[in-house]
Protein backbone atom coordinates (compact mmCIF):
# COMPACT_ATOMS: atom_id res chain seq x y z
CA MET A 1 -67.28 38.59 150.41
CA ASP A 2 -70.32 36.96 150.76
CA GLU A 3 -72.69 39.04 152.85
CA LYS A 4 -75.76 36.82 152.51
CA LYS A 5 -73.89 33.64 154.04
CA TYR A 6 -74.36 35.03 157.46
CA LYS A 7 -77.71 35.48 158.80
CA LEU A 8 -78.58 38.03 161.54
CA THR A 9 -81.11 36.84 164.27
CA LYS A 10 -83.23 38.73 166.99
CA SER A 11 -81.01 36.84 169.57
CA MET A 12 -77.85 38.57 168.07
CA LEU A 13 -79.27 42.05 168.73
CA PRO A 14 -77.90 44.21 171.22
CA PHE A 15 -80.39 44.79 174.39
CA LEU A 16 -81.23 48.21 172.98
CA MET A 17 -82.28 46.92 169.44
CA LYS A 18 -84.51 44.10 170.82
CA PRO A 19 -88.23 44.48 169.84
CA ARG A 20 -89.53 44.55 173.52
CA THR A 21 -86.97 47.14 174.36
CA LEU A 22 -87.59 49.51 171.45
CA LEU A 23 -91.49 48.99 172.20
CA VAL A 24 -90.32 50.32 175.82
CA LEU A 25 -88.37 53.06 174.75
CA THR A 26 -91.41 54.22 172.27
CA PHE A 27 -93.59 54.28 175.07
CA VAL A 28 -91.27 56.72 177.32
CA THR A 29 -90.87 58.80 174.08
CA ILE A 30 -94.21 59.25 173.56
CA LEU A 31 -94.69 59.88 177.55
CA GLY A 32 -91.88 62.30 177.38
CA GLU A 33 -93.89 64.13 174.29
CA VAL A 34 -96.97 64.43 176.52
CA MET A 35 -94.95 66.37 178.85
CA TRP A 36 -93.23 68.60 176.46
CA MET A 37 -96.89 69.03 174.81
CA TYR A 38 -98.46 70.30 178.02
CA LEU A 39 -95.74 72.97 178.58
CA ALA A 40 -96.64 73.75 174.61
CA LEU A 41 -100.24 74.22 175.53
CA GLN A 42 -99.14 76.79 178.63
CA SER A 43 -96.83 78.71 176.01
CA ARG A 44 -99.56 78.69 173.53
CA ASN A 45 -97.29 76.72 170.87
CA HIS A 46 -99.35 73.47 170.81
CA LEU A 47 -99.87 73.50 167.07
CA GLU A 48 -96.09 74.16 166.13
CA SER A 49 -95.12 71.62 168.54
CA LEU A 50 -97.44 69.07 167.29
CA LEU A 51 -96.26 69.51 163.76
CA LEU A 52 -92.66 69.64 164.49
CA PHE A 53 -93.13 66.00 166.42
CA VAL A 54 -94.53 64.85 163.09
CA ILE A 55 -91.88 65.89 161.36
CA GLY A 56 -89.81 64.42 163.79
CA ILE A 57 -91.28 61.16 163.27
CA LEU A 58 -90.99 61.34 159.64
CA MET A 59 -87.14 62.36 159.75
CA GLY A 60 -86.53 59.75 162.63
CA SER A 61 -88.31 56.79 160.43
CA ILE A 62 -85.96 57.47 157.73
CA GLY A 63 -82.92 57.55 160.11
CA GLY A 64 -83.83 54.16 161.40
CA ARG A 65 -84.85 52.78 158.25
CA TRP A 66 -80.99 53.62 157.07
CA THR A 67 -79.97 52.32 160.53
CA SER A 68 -81.95 49.24 160.13
CA ARG A 69 -80.52 48.56 156.43
CA LEU A 70 -76.87 49.47 158.03
CA TRP A 71 -77.40 46.63 160.95
CA ASP A 72 -78.91 43.81 158.67
CA ARG A 73 -76.16 44.15 156.05
CA TYR A 74 -73.02 44.60 158.03
CA TYR A 75 -73.67 43.65 161.59
CA VAL A 76 -72.82 40.13 161.51
CA LEU A 77 -70.10 41.27 159.45
CA ALA A 78 -68.75 43.43 162.19
CA LEU A 79 -68.97 41.36 164.85
CA MET A 80 -66.50 38.80 162.76
CA ARG A 81 -64.18 41.84 162.42
CA LYS A 82 -64.63 41.75 158.55
CA VAL A 83 -65.95 45.19 158.34
CA LYS A 84 -66.30 48.33 160.27
CA MET A 85 -69.56 49.80 159.74
CA MET A 86 -69.00 53.24 160.13
CA LYS A 87 -66.25 53.09 157.18
CA THR A 88 -69.06 51.71 154.82
CA SER A 89 -70.82 54.43 152.79
CA ILE A 90 -74.44 53.77 154.48
CA GLY A 91 -72.49 53.86 157.64
CA LYS A 92 -71.54 57.26 156.68
CA GLN A 93 -74.60 58.64 155.48
CA SER A 94 -76.67 57.29 158.47
CA THR A 95 -74.28 58.92 161.00
CA ILE A 96 -74.41 62.72 159.10
CA PHE A 97 -78.35 62.20 158.88
CA THR A 98 -78.36 61.65 162.38
CA VAL A 99 -75.75 64.00 163.47
CA THR A 100 -77.51 66.76 161.18
CA ALA A 101 -81.37 65.73 161.60
CA LEU A 102 -80.81 64.97 165.48
CA GLY A 103 -77.32 66.53 166.83
CA VAL A 104 -78.21 70.08 165.64
CA PRO A 105 -81.61 70.25 167.15
CA MET A 106 -80.27 68.73 170.56
CA ILE A 107 -77.47 71.24 170.60
CA VAL A 108 -79.52 74.11 170.01
CA SER A 109 -82.11 72.92 172.68
CA PHE A 110 -79.25 72.50 175.29
CA ALA A 111 -78.29 76.27 174.31
CA LEU A 112 -81.58 77.60 175.09
CA ALA A 113 -82.61 78.80 178.00
CA SER A 114 -85.08 76.61 180.50
CA ARG A 115 -87.67 79.26 179.97
CA ASN A 116 -87.60 79.85 176.24
CA PRO A 117 -90.90 79.57 174.77
CA LEU A 118 -89.23 77.70 171.58
CA LEU A 119 -87.74 75.01 173.93
CA PRO A 120 -91.16 72.87 173.96
CA ILE A 121 -91.44 73.16 170.14
CA LEU A 122 -87.69 72.01 169.73
CA GLN A 123 -87.96 69.32 172.31
CA SER A 124 -91.09 67.46 170.21
CA TYR A 125 -89.09 67.40 167.02
CA ILE A 126 -86.57 65.68 169.11
CA PHE A 127 -89.02 63.08 170.95
CA GLY A 128 -90.50 62.80 167.52
CA PHE A 129 -87.16 61.80 165.69
CA ILE A 130 -86.36 59.39 168.68
CA CYS A 131 -90.02 57.89 168.45
CA GLY A 132 -89.80 57.74 164.52
CA MET A 133 -86.30 55.88 164.88
CA ASN A 134 -87.45 53.50 167.44
CA VAL A 135 -90.72 52.57 165.61
CA ALA A 136 -88.52 51.92 162.17
CA ILE A 137 -86.09 49.73 163.89
CA TYR A 138 -88.45 47.82 165.76
CA SER A 139 -90.56 46.78 162.47
CA TRP A 140 -87.33 45.69 161.11
CA ALA A 141 -86.17 43.94 164.26
CA LYS A 142 -89.48 42.30 164.52
CA SER A 143 -89.28 40.95 161.09
CA LEU A 144 -85.74 38.99 161.84
CA PRO A 145 -85.78 35.31 162.70
CA GLU A 146 -85.53 34.28 166.14
């Protein structure tokens, strides 16, 4: 099947993957990180929190690039019901990576008590991951034709 025959455009993207929406989500994520950094400053964990935010951004950008590649190759074919995105090798890899790199820290953060001093540090990683993923997907979505 010829994958290059079908071109993905910005107008075909779902609402949450449109460039403007991704910019708003990135801004909200940074705002959320500022709030968690405030809590990290109070618990004297600001350096750890900032470091994990940066690591989260790096990990999220990796996940965002994989997600972008998956959507670029298979979204139009998935719309035409010719392929299931989750059954492709990149779909499986992307899912496993995201569940491991984002899902596990989220579960741990939910398990922590609300006043645990590690919570702001873990939340910084989560917000960094989401921010990095949004920026990576934004850079891909912005390059798509109208």
